[in-house]
């Protein structure tokens, strides 16, 4: 069987030249991964699949969401693979990377921690004799845009605390 050389690509889909085929897999602002800053980036593998990656031990390591078997909480962890092959690129433009939603168990745990911290602050305020200032009162004070005068601040705080 003889090899035949041709000046045209053998497969040509939708009038696209063979040299432009790789560009369709990556975003328009993609850069070689060798130029990436040493931080968490959104990297694209040679096949066009994107993933989060961070720089550690001289290479970009792929990050995936994994669940802790005991608490079932999801977190970003290395999966053991490296990015940085000859076809890998990263997105040069900052992309809004959304974090995963917090699980119901974590939301409940955080709410319990906030309640305990607030109770501790109230207990400390009772011990010291100073009343705890509720958050809604602090927000109202901030909205008043008071001058930097302790007397004015104290008068407004007393008025708001009496009304609360």
Protein backbone atom coordinates (compact mmCIF):
# COMPACT_ATOMS: atom_id res chain seq x y z
CA UNK A 1 0.00 0.00 0.00
CA UNK A 2 1.43 3.34 -1.00
CA UNK A 3 1.11 6.52 1.06
CA UNK A 4 -0.37 9.46 -0.74
CA UNK A 5 0.33 13.03 0.32
CA UNK A 6 -2.28 15.66 -0.20
CA UNK A 7 -2.23 19.46 0.09
CA UNK A 8 -5.78 19.50 1.57
CA UNK A 9 -7.03 18.07 4.86
CA UNK A 10 -8.72 14.71 4.53
CA UNK A 11 -11.57 15.49 6.93
CA UNK A 12 -13.17 18.89 6.73
CA UNK A 13 -16.31 19.59 8.74
CA UNK A 14 -18.46 22.67 8.12
CA UNK A 15 -15.89 24.47 5.94
CA UNK A 16 -13.41 24.78 8.79
CA UNK A 17 -9.72 24.59 8.13
CA UNK A 18 -7.69 21.99 10.01
CA UNK A 19 -5.47 24.62 11.66
CA UNK A 20 -8.47 26.39 13.28
CA UNK A 21 -10.02 23.21 14.65
CA UNK A 22 -8.28 23.39 18.05
CA UNK A 23 -9.42 26.96 18.70
CA UNK A 24 -13.05 25.91 19.02
CA UNK A 25 -12.25 23.87 22.16
CA UNK A 26 -10.93 26.79 24.23
CA UNK A 27 -12.13 30.30 25.17
CA UNK A 28 -10.92 33.17 23.02
CA UNK A 29 -8.67 34.53 25.80
CA UNK A 30 -6.89 31.20 26.49
CA UNK A 31 -3.13 31.29 27.12
CA UNK A 32 -0.55 28.49 27.49
CA UNK A 33 -0.55 27.09 31.00
CA UNK A 34 3.19 27.79 31.28
CA UNK A 35 2.30 31.51 31.44
CA UNK A 36 -0.28 31.03 34.23
CA UNK A 37 0.21 32.84 37.57
CA UNK A 38 0.89 30.60 40.60
CA UNK A 39 -2.64 30.73 42.03
CA UNK A 40 -5.95 28.92 41.60
CA UNK A 41 -6.98 29.12 37.93
CA UNK A 42 -9.52 27.62 35.56
CA UNK A 43 -7.44 25.34 33.34
CA UNK A 44 -8.42 23.58 30.12
CA UNK A 45 -6.95 20.23 29.15
CA UNK A 46 -5.92 19.47 25.56
CA UNK A 47 -9.32 17.90 24.86
CA UNK A 48 -11.11 21.13 25.85
CA UNK A 49 -12.41 19.94 29.22
CA UNK A 50 -12.13 22.62 31.91
CA UNK A 51 -11.30 22.23 35.58
CA UNK A 52 -10.06 24.18 38.59
CA UNK A 53 -6.34 23.84 39.24
CA UNK A 54 -3.89 25.31 41.73
CA UNK A 55 -0.11 25.62 41.71
CA UNK A 56 1.73 23.39 44.18
CA UNK A 57 5.13 21.67 44.14
CA UNK A 58 6.11 23.17 40.80
CA UNK A 59 3.02 22.05 38.85
CA UNK A 60 -0.68 22.80 38.48
CA UNK A 61 -2.77 20.15 40.25
CA UNK A 62 -6.36 19.44 39.28
CA UNK A 63 -9.01 20.23 41.93
CA UNK A 64 -12.32 18.39 42.21
CA UNK A 65 -15.24 18.57 44.62
CA UNK A 66 -15.06 15.58 46.97
CA UNK A 67 -17.20 14.59 49.94
CA UNK A 68 -15.81 13.81 53.35
CA UNK A 69 -17.00 10.27 54.15
CA UNK A 70 -17.80 11.09 57.80
CA UNK A 71 -19.39 14.54 57.66
CA UNK A 72 -20.56 14.37 54.01
CA UNK A 73 -19.35 17.96 53.59
CA UNK A 74 -18.07 18.81 50.10
CA UNK A 75 -14.72 20.52 49.64
CA UNK A 76 -12.21 21.19 46.88
CA UNK A 77 -9.35 18.67 46.95
CA UNK A 78 -6.58 17.54 44.65
CA UNK A 79 -7.48 14.42 42.73
CA UNK A 80 -3.89 13.40 42.03
CA UNK A 81 -3.60 14.50 38.40
CA UNK A 82 -1.38 17.25 37.05
CA UNK A 83 -2.18 19.91 34.48
CA UNK A 84 0.51 21.33 32.29
CA UNK A 85 0.77 19.01 29.34
CA UNK A 86 1.67 20.24 25.86
CA UNK A 87 -1.91 21.17 24.96
CA UNK A 88 -3.13 22.60 28.26
CA UNK A 89 -4.22 26.25 28.50
CA UNK A 90 -5.85 28.51 31.10
CA UNK A 91 -8.38 31.32 30.89
CA UNK A 92 -6.51 34.62 31.07
CA UNK A 93 -9.59 36.61 32.05
CA UNK A 94 -10.88 36.41 35.64
CA UNK A 95 -13.97 34.29 35.71
CA UNK A 96 -16.43 34.37 38.57
CA UNK A 97 -15.83 30.96 40.08
CA UNK A 98 -18.88 30.05 42.09
CA UNK A 99 -18.35 28.02 45.21
CA UNK A 100 -20.55 25.03 45.90
CA UNK A 101 -23.63 25.53 48.00
CA UNK A 102 -23.32 24.87 51.69
CA UNK A 103 -25.04 21.67 52.77
CA UNK A 104 -28.00 21.80 55.14
CA UNK A 105 -25.96 20.21 57.92
CA UNK A 106 -23.23 22.87 57.59
CA UNK A 107 -25.79 25.70 57.51
CA UNK A 108 -27.35 24.34 60.70
CA UNK A 109 -23.94 23.98 62.35
CA UNK A 110 -22.98 27.56 61.39
CA UNK A 111 -26.30 28.90 62.68
CA UNK A 112 -25.74 27.07 65.99
CA UNK A 113 -22.23 28.54 66.24
CA UNK A 114 -23.60 32.05 65.67
CA UNK A 115 -26.26 31.54 68.36
CA UNK A 116 -23.67 30.26 70.84
CA UNK A 117 -21.34 33.19 70.08
CA UNK A 118 -24.17 35.67 70.57
CA UNK A 119 -25.16 34.03 73.86
CA UNK A 120 -21.55 34.21 75.00
CA UNK A 121 -21.39 37.92 74.11
CA UNK A 122 -24.63 38.59 76.01
CA UNK A 123 -23.30 36.69 79.03
CA UNK A 124 -20.06 38.69 78.96
CA UNK A 125 -22.06 41.94 78.66
CA UNK A 126 -24.15 40.99 81.70
CA UNK A 127 -21.01 40.18 83.70
CA UNK A 128 -19.35 43.47 82.80
CA UNK A 129 -22.52 45.54 83.28
CA UNK A 130 -22.56 46.91 79.72
CA UNK A 131 -25.67 46.11 77.66
CA UNK A 132 -25.26 44.16 74.43
CA UNK A 133 -26.04 46.30 71.39
CA UNK A 134 -28.29 44.36 68.98
CA UNK A 135 -27.20 44.13 65.35
CA UNK A 136 -30.29 45.93 64.07
CA UNK A 137 -29.46 48.91 66.34
CA UNK A 138 -25.89 48.96 65.02
CA UNK A 139 -27.23 48.96 61.44
CA UNK A 140 -29.53 51.88 62.25
CA UNK A 141 -26.61 53.80 63.78
CA UNK A 142 -24.49 53.15 60.69
CA UNK A 143 -27.33 54.37 58.44
CA UNK A 144 -27.50 57.69 60.35
CA UNK A 145 -23.97 58.72 59.22
CA UNK A 146 -23.26 60.42 62.55
CA UNK A 147 -20.32 62.81 63.01
CA UNK A 148 -17.22 61.53 64.79
CA UNK A 149 -18.38 62.78 68.19
CA UNK A 150 -18.79 60.36 71.14
CA UNK A 151 -21.53 62.46 72.75
CA UNK A 152 -23.74 62.46 69.61
CA UNK A 153 -23.15 58.74 69.16
CA UNK A 154 -24.09 57.98 72.80
CA UNK A 155 -27.27 60.11 72.68
CA UNK A 156 -28.45 58.40 69.48
CA UNK A 157 -27.55 54.97 70.86
CA UNK A 158 -29.49 55.61 74.08
CA UNK A 159 -32.53 56.77 72.10
CA UNK A 160 -32.41 53.70 69.86
CA UNK A 161 -31.91 51.34 72.82
CA UNK A 162 -34.95 52.85 74.63
CA UNK A 163 -37.04 52.35 71.52
CA UNK A 164 -35.90 48.73 71.09
